[in-house]
Amino acid sequence: MRLVEADLPGMIEEKNRLLEGETPVCRLRRENVDLTDAMWRAEFLDRVTRDANKTLIITEGLLLYLGDDTVRSLGQDLASRASIQWWILEIASPAILQMMRRGMGVHLAQAPLKFAPPEGVVFFETLGWKVLEIHSVVREAVRFRRAPLFLRLFSVFPEPDPRKLGRWSRWSGVARFERRG
């Protein structure tokens, strides 16, 4: 297995410094790239997928910080490359995004939270992706016994449809998509 980790140059430098004495158990390459820059992103994706035939993209901790247009462009770029078969991402409803902003306010001044589509996973389905799995963060935290008591109580209530989150639903999850076509 080959793992390519992409992040902003400052983040890659910090990871390299913190993990200096560690040895990865797979072939790992860290790449400096700003995925919000369409040209830089295209060059990066072309390079890392050139010799691949089945690629999984994981955008953990990224999409919430991007604007709708940037996420749309990224999703289209990923879907346009035949070797990229799957995409795992996290998604939050607008109400959860608002709660996070209030709860973390001053800590997010340099990196504000932006992306929380009211249409939920449909946002990605319109970009050439098909949902394979959707997992609620709350339900998974309860299942793995990682949820505080108050969240365990909420897990007994029905959850909103991840395809129709709307503005007021409080939901976040992780979804695995497959490229259509």
N, C-alpha and C. Protein backbone atom coordinates (compact mmCIF):
# COMPACT_ATOMS: atom_id res chain seq x y z
N MET A 1 0.84 -1.18 0.00
CA MET A 1 0.00 0.00 0.00
C MET A 1 0.88 1.25 0.00
N ARG A 2 0.44 2.22 -0.75
CA ARG A 2 1.15 3.50 -0.81
C ARG A 2 0.23 4.57 -0.26
N LEU A 3 0.73 5.37 0.64
CA LEU A 3 -0.04 6.45 1.25
C LEU A 3 0.61 7.77 0.90
N VAL A 4 -0.19 8.68 0.34
CA VAL A 4 0.29 10.02 0.05
C VAL A 4 -0.53 10.96 0.93
N GLU A 5 0.14 11.68 1.77
CA GLU A 5 -0.51 12.63 2.67
C GLU A 5 -0.27 14.03 2.11
N ALA A 6 -1.36 14.75 1.88
CA ALA A 6 -1.27 16.09 1.31
C ALA A 6 -1.74 17.10 2.33
N ASP A 7 -0.98 18.18 2.48
CA ASP A 7 -1.38 19.24 3.40
C ASP A 7 -0.60 20.49 3.05
N LEU A 8 -0.98 21.58 3.69
CA LEU A 8 -0.27 22.84 3.48
C LEU A 8 1.19 22.69 3.91
N PRO A 9 2.10 23.42 3.27
CA PRO A 9 3.53 23.29 3.58
C PRO A 9 3.85 23.39 5.08
N GLY A 10 3.28 24.34 5.79
CA GLY A 10 3.55 24.48 7.21
C GLY A 10 3.12 23.28 8.02
N MET A 11 1.99 22.69 7.64
CA MET A 11 1.50 21.50 8.34
C MET A 11 2.40 20.29 8.08
N ILE A 12 2.85 20.14 6.85
CA ILE A 12 3.74 19.02 6.52
C ILE A 12 5.06 19.16 7.29
N GLU A 13 5.59 20.38 7.35
CA GLU A 13 6.83 20.62 8.11
C GLU A 13 6.64 20.24 9.57
N GLU A 14 5.52 20.64 10.16
CA GLU A 14 5.24 20.32 11.56
C GLU A 14 5.09 18.81 11.78
N LYS A 15 4.38 18.12 10.90
CA LYS A 15 4.23 16.66 11.01
C LYS A 15 5.58 15.98 10.89
N ASN A 16 6.38 16.40 9.92
CA ASN A 16 7.71 15.80 9.76
C ASN A 16 8.54 15.99 11.02
N ARG A 17 8.46 17.17 11.61
CA ARG A 17 9.23 17.44 12.83
C ARG A 17 8.75 16.57 13.98
N LEU A 18 7.44 16.50 14.17
CA LEU A 18 6.89 15.73 15.29
C LEU A 18 7.06 14.22 15.13
N LEU A 19 7.09 13.75 13.90
CA LEU A 19 7.18 12.31 13.65
C LEU A 19 8.56 11.89 13.17
N GLU A 20 9.54 12.74 13.40
CA GLU A 20 10.90 12.53 12.90
C GLU A 20 11.47 11.14 13.22
N GLY A 21 11.27 10.65 14.41
CA GLY A 21 11.86 9.36 14.80
C GLY A 21 11.00 8.15 14.50
N GLU A 22 9.84 8.36 13.90
CA GLU A 22 8.91 7.26 13.64
C GLU A 22 9.14 6.67 12.26
N THR A 23 8.87 5.36 12.14
CA THR A 23 9.00 4.68 10.87
C THR A 23 7.62 4.20 10.43
N PRO A 24 7.13 4.67 9.29
CA PRO A 24 5.81 4.22 8.82
C PRO A 24 5.83 2.75 8.43
N VAL A 25 4.69 2.09 8.52
CA VAL A 25 4.59 0.68 8.16
C VAL A 25 4.12 0.49 6.71
N CYS A 26 3.95 1.59 6.00
CA CYS A 26 3.61 1.53 4.58
C CYS A 26 4.52 2.52 3.85
N ARG A 27 4.41 2.53 2.54
CA ARG A 27 5.17 3.52 1.77
C ARG A 27 4.44 4.85 1.93
N LEU A 28 5.06 5.78 2.61
CA LEU A 28 4.45 7.07 2.91
C LEU A 28 5.23 8.19 2.26
N ARG A 29 4.48 9.07 1.63
CA ARG A 29 5.07 10.28 1.06
C ARG A 29 4.19 11.45 1.47
N ARG A 30 4.79 12.48 2.01
CA ARG A 30 4.06 13.68 2.37
C ARG A 30 4.32 14.75 1.31
N GLU A 31 3.23 15.37 0.86
CA GLU A 31 3.32 16.36 -0.21
C GLU A 31 2.81 17.72 0.28
N ASN A 32 3.55 18.76 -0.03
CA ASN A 32 3.11 20.13 0.21
C ASN A 32 2.16 20.52 -0.92
N VAL A 33 0.92 20.82 -0.57
CA VAL A 33 -0.04 21.23 -1.59
C VAL A 33 -1.19 22.00 -0.93
N ASP A 34 -1.60 23.04 -1.59
CA ASP A 34 -2.77 23.79 -1.16
C ASP A 34 -3.92 23.31 -2.05
N LEU A 35 -4.78 22.48 -1.52
CA LEU A 35 -5.86 21.89 -2.30
C LEU A 35 -6.93 22.89 -2.71
N THR A 36 -6.86 24.11 -2.19
CA THR A 36 -7.80 25.15 -2.61
C THR A 36 -7.36 25.83 -3.91
N ASP A 37 -6.11 25.65 -4.29
CA ASP A 37 -5.58 26.20 -5.52
C ASP A 37 -5.81 25.17 -6.64
N ALA A 38 -6.72 25.46 -7.56
CA ALA A 38 -7.13 24.49 -8.58
C ALA A 38 -5.97 23.98 -9.43
N MET A 39 -5.06 24.86 -9.83
CA MET A 39 -3.94 24.43 -10.67
C MET A 39 -2.98 23.55 -9.89
N TRP A 40 -2.64 23.95 -8.67
CA TRP A 40 -1.74 23.18 -7.82
C TRP A 40 -2.37 21.81 -7.53
N ARG A 41 -3.69 21.81 -7.23
CA ARG A 41 -4.41 20.57 -6.94
C ARG A 41 -4.40 19.63 -8.15
N ALA A 42 -4.66 20.17 -9.34
CA ALA A 42 -4.69 19.34 -10.55
C ALA A 42 -3.33 18.70 -10.82
N GLU A 43 -2.28 19.50 -10.68
CA GLU A 43 -0.92 18.97 -10.89
C GLU A 43 -0.63 17.86 -9.88
N PHE A 44 -0.99 18.09 -8.63
CA PHE A 44 -0.78 17.11 -7.57
C PHE A 44 -1.55 15.82 -7.87
N LEU A 45 -2.85 15.96 -8.18
CA LEU A 45 -3.67 14.77 -8.44
C LEU A 45 -3.18 14.01 -9.66
N ASP A 46 -2.80 14.71 -10.71
CA ASP A 46 -2.27 14.04 -11.90
C ASP A 46 -1.02 13.24 -11.55
N ARG A 47 -0.15 13.84 -10.77
CA ARG A 47 1.12 13.20 -10.42
C ARG A 47 0.91 11.97 -9.54
N VAL A 48 0.07 12.08 -8.51
CA VAL A 48 -0.06 10.97 -7.55
C VAL A 48 -0.97 9.84 -8.05
N THR A 49 -1.79 10.14 -9.07
CA THR A 49 -2.65 9.08 -9.59
C THR A 49 -2.15 8.49 -10.90
N ARG A 50 -1.07 9.03 -11.43
CA ARG A 50 -0.56 8.63 -12.74
C ARG A 50 -0.37 7.11 -12.85
N ASP A 51 0.24 6.49 -11.87
CA ASP A 51 0.53 5.05 -11.94
C ASP A 51 -0.41 4.21 -11.08
N ALA A 52 -1.46 4.82 -10.58
CA ALA A 52 -2.40 4.10 -9.71
C ALA A 52 -3.57 3.59 -10.53
N ASN A 53 -4.17 2.47 -10.06
CA ASN A 53 -5.38 2.01 -10.73
C ASN A 53 -6.59 2.01 -9.81
N LYS A 54 -6.38 1.98 -8.49
CA LYS A 54 -7.47 2.05 -7.53
C LYS A 54 -7.02 2.93 -6.37
N THR A 55 -7.62 4.11 -6.30
CA THR A 55 -7.20 5.08 -5.30
C THR A 55 -8.37 5.44 -4.39
N LEU A 56 -8.08 5.51 -3.11
CA LEU A 56 -9.03 5.97 -2.10
C LEU A 56 -8.55 7.33 -1.61
N ILE A 57 -9.44 8.31 -1.61
CA ILE A 57 -9.15 9.64 -1.10
C ILE A 57 -9.84 9.79 0.24
N ILE A 58 -9.12 10.27 1.25
CA ILE A 58 -9.70 10.55 2.56
C ILE A 58 -9.44 12.02 2.85
N THR A 59 -10.50 12.79 3.01
CA THR A 59 -10.35 14.22 3.28
C THR A 59 -10.78 14.51 4.72
N GLU A 60 -10.13 13.84 5.64
CA GLU A 60 -10.44 14.01 7.06
C GLU A 60 -10.00 15.39 7.52
N GLY A 61 -10.92 16.10 8.18
CA GLY A 61 -10.58 17.39 8.77
C GLY A 61 -10.31 18.49 7.76
N LEU A 62 -10.83 18.38 6.56
CA LEU A 62 -10.54 19.37 5.53
C LEU A 62 -11.77 20.13 5.07
N LEU A 63 -12.80 19.44 4.66
CA LEU A 63 -13.91 20.08 3.95
C LEU A 63 -14.61 21.17 4.75
N LEU A 64 -14.73 21.00 6.06
CA LEU A 64 -15.40 22.01 6.90
C LEU A 64 -14.77 23.39 6.76
N TYR A 65 -13.50 23.45 6.41
CA TYR A 65 -12.77 24.71 6.32
C TYR A 65 -12.83 25.35 4.93
N LEU A 66 -13.45 24.67 3.98
CA LEU A 66 -13.49 25.15 2.61
C LEU A 66 -14.86 25.73 2.27
N GLY A 67 -14.90 26.62 1.29
CA GLY A 67 -16.16 27.15 0.81
C GLY A 67 -16.84 26.17 -0.12
N ASP A 68 -18.13 26.36 -0.35
CA ASP A 68 -18.92 25.47 -1.20
C ASP A 68 -18.29 25.31 -2.59
N ASP A 69 -17.88 26.41 -3.20
CA ASP A 69 -17.32 26.36 -4.55
C ASP A 69 -16.02 25.55 -4.59
N THR A 70 -15.21 25.69 -3.56
CA THR A 70 -13.95 24.94 -3.50
C THR A 70 -14.23 23.45 -3.33
N VAL A 71 -15.18 23.10 -2.46
CA VAL A 71 -15.53 21.67 -2.27
C VAL A 71 -16.11 21.11 -3.57
N ARG A 72 -16.94 21.88 -4.23
CA ARG A 72 -17.52 21.44 -5.51
C ARG A 72 -16.42 21.18 -6.53
N SER A 73 -15.49 22.11 -6.65
CA SER A 73 -14.38 21.96 -7.60
C SER A 73 -13.51 20.76 -7.25
N LEU A 74 -13.22 20.58 -5.97
CA LEU A 74 -12.44 19.43 -5.52
C LEU A 74 -13.16 18.13 -5.86
N GLY A 75 -14.45 18.06 -5.56
CA GLY A 75 -15.23 16.85 -5.85
C GLY A 75 -15.24 16.51 -7.33
N GLN A 76 -15.36 17.54 -8.17
CA GLN A 76 -15.35 17.32 -9.62
C GLN A 76 -13.97 16.87 -10.09
N ASP A 77 -12.93 17.47 -9.54
CA ASP A 77 -11.56 17.07 -9.90
C ASP A 77 -11.31 15.61 -9.53
N LEU A 78 -11.74 15.21 -8.34
CA LEU A 78 -11.53 13.82 -7.92
C LEU A 78 -12.32 12.87 -8.81
N ALA A 79 -13.56 13.21 -9.12
CA ALA A 79 -14.41 12.35 -9.94
C ALA A 79 -13.92 12.24 -11.38
N SER A 80 -13.16 13.22 -11.85
CA SER A 80 -12.70 13.21 -13.24
C SER A 80 -11.49 12.31 -13.47
N ARG A 81 -10.93 11.75 -12.42
CA ARG A 81 -9.76 10.88 -12.56
C ARG A 81 -10.16 9.42 -12.38
N ALA A 82 -9.97 8.64 -13.44
CA ALA A 82 -10.43 7.25 -13.47
C ALA A 82 -9.85 6.40 -12.35
N SER A 83 -8.64 6.67 -11.93
CA SER A 83 -8.03 5.82 -10.90
C SER A 83 -8.61 6.10 -9.51
N ILE A 84 -9.25 7.24 -9.32
CA ILE A 84 -9.84 7.54 -8.02
C ILE A 84 -11.20 6.88 -7.97
N GLN A 85 -11.29 5.81 -7.18
CA GLN A 85 -12.50 5.01 -7.09
C GLN A 85 -13.40 5.39 -5.92
N TRP A 86 -12.79 5.77 -4.78
CA TRP A 86 -13.56 6.00 -3.56
C TRP A 86 -13.11 7.29 -2.88
N TRP A 87 -14.03 7.82 -2.10
CA TRP A 87 -13.76 9.05 -1.35
C TRP A 87 -14.47 8.92 0.00
N ILE A 88 -13.71 9.08 1.07
CA ILE A 88 -14.27 9.10 2.42
C ILE A 88 -14.15 10.52 2.95
N LEU A 89 -15.26 11.04 3.44
CA LEU A 89 -15.27 12.41 3.93
C LEU A 89 -16.19 12.55 5.12
N GLU A 90 -16.01 13.63 5.84
CA GLU A 90 -16.91 13.94 6.94
C GLU A 90 -17.80 15.09 6.50
N ILE A 91 -19.03 15.08 7.02
CA ILE A 91 -20.00 16.09 6.63
C ILE A 91 -20.80 16.49 7.86
N ALA A 92 -21.15 17.75 7.93
CA ALA A 92 -21.93 18.26 9.06
C ALA A 92 -23.08 19.09 8.54
N SER A 93 -24.16 19.11 9.30
CA SER A 93 -25.30 19.96 8.95
C SER A 93 -24.97 21.41 9.30
N PRO A 94 -25.69 22.36 8.71
CA PRO A 94 -25.48 23.77 9.08
C PRO A 94 -25.65 24.03 10.57
N ALA A 95 -26.60 23.35 11.23
CA ALA A 95 -26.81 23.57 12.67
C ALA A 95 -25.61 23.10 13.48
N ILE A 96 -25.01 21.99 13.09
CA ILE A 96 -23.80 21.50 13.79
C ILE A 96 -22.65 22.47 13.55
N LEU A 97 -22.52 22.97 12.33
CA LEU A 97 -21.47 23.94 12.03
C LEU A 97 -21.62 25.17 12.93
N GLN A 98 -22.83 25.66 13.10
CA GLN A 98 -23.08 26.81 13.97
C GLN A 98 -22.70 26.50 15.41
N MET A 99 -23.05 25.30 15.89
CA MET A 99 -22.69 24.90 17.26
C MET A 99 -21.17 24.86 17.42
N MET A 100 -20.48 24.34 16.43
CA MET A 100 -19.01 24.27 16.49
C MET A 100 -18.41 25.67 16.50
N ARG A 101 -18.96 26.56 15.69
CA ARG A 101 -18.46 27.94 15.65
C ARG A 101 -18.62 28.60 17.01
N ARG A 102 -19.79 28.43 17.63
CA ARG A 102 -20.03 29.03 18.95
C ARG A 102 -19.11 28.40 20.00
N GLY A 103 -18.95 27.10 19.94
CA GLY A 103 -18.16 26.41 20.95
C GLY A 103 -16.67 26.62 20.84
N MET A 104 -16.18 26.88 19.62
CA MET A 104 -14.74 27.00 19.42
C MET A 104 -14.34 28.40 18.97
N GLY A 105 -15.32 29.27 18.76
CA GLY A 105 -15.17 30.64 18.31
C GLY A 105 -13.79 31.20 18.13
N VAL A 106 -13.18 31.65 19.20
CA VAL A 106 -11.89 32.35 19.14
C VAL A 106 -10.78 31.43 18.61
N HIS A 107 -10.89 30.13 18.84
CA HIS A 107 -9.85 29.19 18.38
C HIS A 107 -9.86 29.01 16.87
N LEU A 108 -10.97 29.39 16.24
CA LEU A 108 -11.09 29.21 14.80
C LEU A 108 -10.95 30.52 14.02
N ALA A 109 -10.47 31.55 14.65
CA ALA A 109 -10.38 32.86 14.00
C ALA A 109 -9.53 32.80 12.73
N GLN A 110 -8.44 32.04 12.75
CA GLN A 110 -7.56 31.95 11.59
C GLN A 110 -8.02 30.90 10.57
N ALA A 111 -8.93 30.03 10.99
CA ALA A 111 -9.41 28.96 10.11
C ALA A 111 -10.91 28.76 10.35
N PRO A 112 -11.73 29.68 9.85
CA PRO A 112 -13.17 29.59 10.12
C PRO A 112 -13.81 28.39 9.43
N LEU A 113 -14.82 27.84 10.09
CA LEU A 113 -15.59 26.73 9.52
C LEU A 113 -16.58 27.29 8.51
N LYS A 114 -16.68 26.65 7.34
CA LYS A 114 -17.50 27.19 6.26
C LYS A 114 -18.48 26.19 5.67
N PHE A 115 -18.07 24.95 5.48
CA PHE A 115 -18.83 24.02 4.64
C PHE A 115 -19.77 23.13 5.44
N ALA A 116 -21.04 23.25 5.16
CA ALA A 116 -22.07 22.39 5.75
C ALA A 116 -23.29 22.46 4.85
N PRO A 117 -23.35 21.64 3.82
CA PRO A 117 -24.43 21.76 2.84
C PRO A 117 -25.78 21.30 3.40
N PRO A 118 -26.82 22.13 3.31
CA PRO A 118 -28.14 21.74 3.80
C PRO A 118 -28.70 20.53 3.07
N GLU A 119 -28.24 20.30 1.83
CA GLU A 119 -28.70 19.15 1.06
C GLU A 119 -27.95 17.87 1.42
N GLY A 120 -27.04 17.95 2.38
CA GLY A 120 -26.32 16.78 2.86
C GLY A 120 -25.51 16.10 1.77
N VAL A 121 -25.57 14.76 1.73
CA VAL A 121 -24.74 14.00 0.80
C VAL A 121 -25.14 14.19 -0.66
N VAL A 122 -26.33 14.73 -0.91
CA VAL A 122 -26.76 15.01 -2.28
C VAL A 122 -25.77 15.97 -2.95
N PHE A 123 -25.16 16.85 -2.16
CA PHE A 123 -24.15 17.78 -2.68
C PHE A 123 -23.10 17.00 -3.48
N PHE A 124 -22.65 15.87 -2.95
CA PHE A 124 -21.60 15.08 -3.59
C PHE A 124 -22.14 14.19 -4.70
N GLU A 125 -23.38 13.75 -4.56
CA GLU A 125 -23.99 12.92 -5.60
C GLU A 125 -24.12 13.69 -6.91
N THR A 126 -24.32 15.00 -6.84
CA THR A 126 -24.42 15.81 -8.05
C THR A 126 -23.06 16.04 -8.72
N LEU A 127 -22.00 15.65 -8.04
CA LEU A 127 -20.64 15.85 -8.58
C LEU A 127 -20.05 14.59 -9.21
N GLY A 128 -20.85 13.52 -9.26
CA GLY A 128 -20.35 12.29 -9.87
C GLY A 128 -20.00 11.20 -8.86
N TRP A 129 -20.55 11.29 -7.66
CA TRP A 129 -20.25 10.32 -6.60
C TRP A 129 -21.53 9.61 -6.17
N LYS A 130 -21.40 8.35 -5.81
CA LYS A 130 -22.52 7.53 -5.34
C LYS A 130 -22.22 7.11 -3.89
N VAL A 131 -23.18 7.33 -2.99
CA VAL A 131 -23.00 6.97 -1.59
C VAL A 131 -22.98 5.45 -1.43
N LEU A 132 -21.96 4.94 -0.74
CA LEU A 132 -21.90 3.53 -0.40
C LEU A 132 -22.27 3.29 1.06
N GLU A 133 -21.80 4.19 1.93
CA GLU A 133 -22.07 4.06 3.37
C GLU A 133 -22.15 5.44 3.98
N ILE A 134 -23.01 5.56 4.98
CA ILE A 134 -23.08 6.78 5.78
C ILE A 134 -23.16 6.36 7.24
N HIS A 135 -22.32 6.95 8.07
CA HIS A 135 -22.30 6.64 9.50
C HIS A 135 -22.42 7.93 10.31
N SER A 136 -23.39 7.97 11.18
CA SER A 136 -23.58 9.10 12.08
C SER A 136 -22.45 9.11 13.11
N VAL A 137 -21.88 10.28 13.35
CA VAL A 137 -20.82 10.41 14.35
C VAL A 137 -21.34 10.01 15.73
N VAL A 138 -22.55 10.47 16.07
CA VAL A 138 -23.12 10.17 17.39
C VAL A 138 -23.36 8.67 17.53
N ARG A 139 -24.00 8.07 16.55
CA ARG A 139 -24.31 6.63 16.64
C ARG A 139 -23.03 5.79 16.70
N GLU A 140 -22.02 6.17 15.96
CA GLU A 140 -20.76 5.43 15.99
C GLU A 140 -20.05 5.62 17.32
N ALA A 141 -20.10 6.82 17.87
CA ALA A 141 -19.49 7.07 19.19
C ALA A 141 -20.17 6.21 20.25
N VAL A 142 -21.48 6.09 20.18
CA VAL A 142 -22.22 5.24 21.13
C VAL A 142 -21.83 3.77 20.91
N ARG A 143 -21.81 3.36 19.66
CA ARG A 143 -21.49 1.95 19.34
C ARG A 143 -20.11 1.55 19.86
N PHE A 144 -19.16 2.46 19.77
CA PHE A 144 -17.80 2.16 20.23
C PHE A 144 -17.55 2.59 21.67
N ARG A 145 -18.63 2.93 22.36
CA ARG A 145 -18.57 3.33 23.78
C ARG A 145 -17.62 4.51 24.01
N ARG A 146 -17.71 5.48 23.11
CA ARG A 146 -16.87 6.68 23.19
C ARG A 146 -17.69 7.94 23.40
N ALA A 147 -19.00 7.78 23.60
CA ALA A 147 -19.88 8.95 23.72
C ALA A 147 -20.17 9.27 25.18
N PRO A 148 -20.18 10.56 25.53
CA PRO A 148 -20.59 10.94 26.89
C PRO A 148 -22.09 10.63 27.07
N LEU A 149 -22.51 10.58 28.31
CA LEU A 149 -23.88 10.18 28.64
C LEU A 149 -24.93 10.99 27.88
N PHE A 150 -24.79 12.32 27.84
CA PHE A 150 -25.82 13.12 27.18
C PHE A 150 -25.96 12.76 25.70
N LEU A 151 -24.87 12.38 25.02
CA LEU A 151 -24.97 11.98 23.62
C LEU A 151 -25.61 10.60 23.50
N ARG A 152 -25.37 9.73 24.46
CA ARG A 152 -26.01 8.41 24.43
C ARG A 152 -27.52 8.57 24.47
N LEU A 153 -28.00 9.53 25.24
CA LEU A 153 -29.43 9.78 25.32
C LEU A 153 -29.99 10.23 23.97
N PHE A 154 -29.25 11.12 23.28
CA PHE A 154 -29.71 11.59 21.98
C PHE A 154 -29.73 10.49 20.92
N SER A 155 -28.93 9.47 21.10
CA SER A 155 -28.83 8.42 20.08
C SER A 155 -30.10 7.58 19.95
N VAL A 156 -31.01 7.66 20.90
CA VAL A 156 -32.25 6.89 20.81
C VAL A 156 -33.29 7.57 19.92
N PHE A 157 -33.11 8.84 19.63
CA PHE A 157 -34.05 9.57 18.78
C PHE A 157 -33.74 9.32 17.31
N PRO A 158 -34.74 9.38 16.46
CA PRO A 158 -34.48 9.23 15.01
C PRO A 158 -33.57 10.35 14.51
N GLU A 159 -32.72 10.00 13.58
CA GLU A 159 -31.82 10.99 13.00
C GLU A 159 -32.40 11.53 11.69
N PRO A 160 -31.99 12.73 11.30
CA PRO A 160 -32.46 13.28 10.03
C PRO A 160 -31.90 12.48 8.85
N ASP A 161 -32.54 12.63 7.73
CA ASP A 161 -32.10 12.00 6.50
C ASP A 161 -30.83 12.74 6.03
N PRO A 162 -29.69 12.05 5.89
CA PRO A 162 -28.46 12.71 5.44
C PRO A 162 -28.55 13.31 4.04
N ARG A 163 -29.64 13.03 3.32
CA ARG A 163 -29.86 13.61 2.00
C ARG A 163 -30.73 14.86 2.06
N LYS A 164 -31.28 15.15 3.23
CA LYS A 164 -32.16 16.31 3.40
C LYS A 164 -31.93 16.90 4.78
N LEU A 165 -30.75 17.39 5.03
CA LEU A 165 -30.43 17.89 6.37
C LEU A 165 -31.15 19.18 6.71
N GLY A 166 -31.29 20.06 5.75
CA GLY A 166 -31.89 21.35 6.03
C GLY A 166 -31.00 22.20 6.92
N ARG A 167 -31.52 23.31 7.37
CA ARG A 167 -30.74 24.25 8.18
C ARG A 167 -30.75 23.93 9.66
N TRP A 168 -31.77 23.21 10.16
CA TRP A 168 -31.93 23.08 11.60
C TRP A 168 -31.59 21.70 12.16
N SER A 169 -31.41 20.72 11.32
CA SER A 169 -31.07 19.37 11.80
C SER A 169 -29.68 19.37 12.42
N ARG A 170 -29.56 18.69 13.52
CA ARG A 170 -28.24 18.54 14.15
C ARG A 170 -27.72 17.15 13.85
N TRP A 171 -26.83 17.08 12.87
CA TRP A 171 -26.31 15.80 12.43
C TRP A 171 -24.93 15.99 11.84
N SER A 172 -24.05 15.03 12.10
CA SER A 172 -22.76 14.97 11.42
C SER A 172 -22.42 13.51 11.22
N GLY A 173 -21.65 13.26 10.19
CA GLY A 173 -21.33 11.88 9.89
C GLY A 173 -20.13 11.75 8.99
N VAL A 174 -19.86 10.49 8.67
CA VAL A 174 -18.79 10.14 7.75
C VAL A 174 -19.44 9.33 6.63
N ALA A 175 -19.08 9.65 5.40
CA ALA A 175 -19.66 8.95 4.25
C ALA A 175 -18.54 8.41 3.36
N ARG A 176 -18.84 7.25 2.80
CA ARG A 176 -17.93 6.66 1.81
C ARG A 176 -18.66 6.67 0.48
N PHE A 177 -18.00 7.25 -0.51
CA PHE A 177 -18.57 7.37 -1.85
C PHE A 177 -17.76 6.54 -2.83
N GLU A 178 -18.41 6.21 -3.94
CA GLU A 178 -17.74 5.57 -5.06
C GLU A 178 -17.98 6.44 -6.28
N ARG A 179 -16.94 6.56 -7.09
CA ARG A 179 -17.07 7.38 -8.31
C ARG A 179 -18.03 6.69 -9.27
N ARG A 180 -18.95 7.46 -9.83
CA ARG A 180 -19.88 6.93 -10.84
C ARG A 180 -19.15 6.78 -12.16
N GLY A 181 -19.54 5.78 -12.90
CA GLY A 181 -19.02 5.64 -14.25
C GLY A 181 -17.86 4.80 -14.30
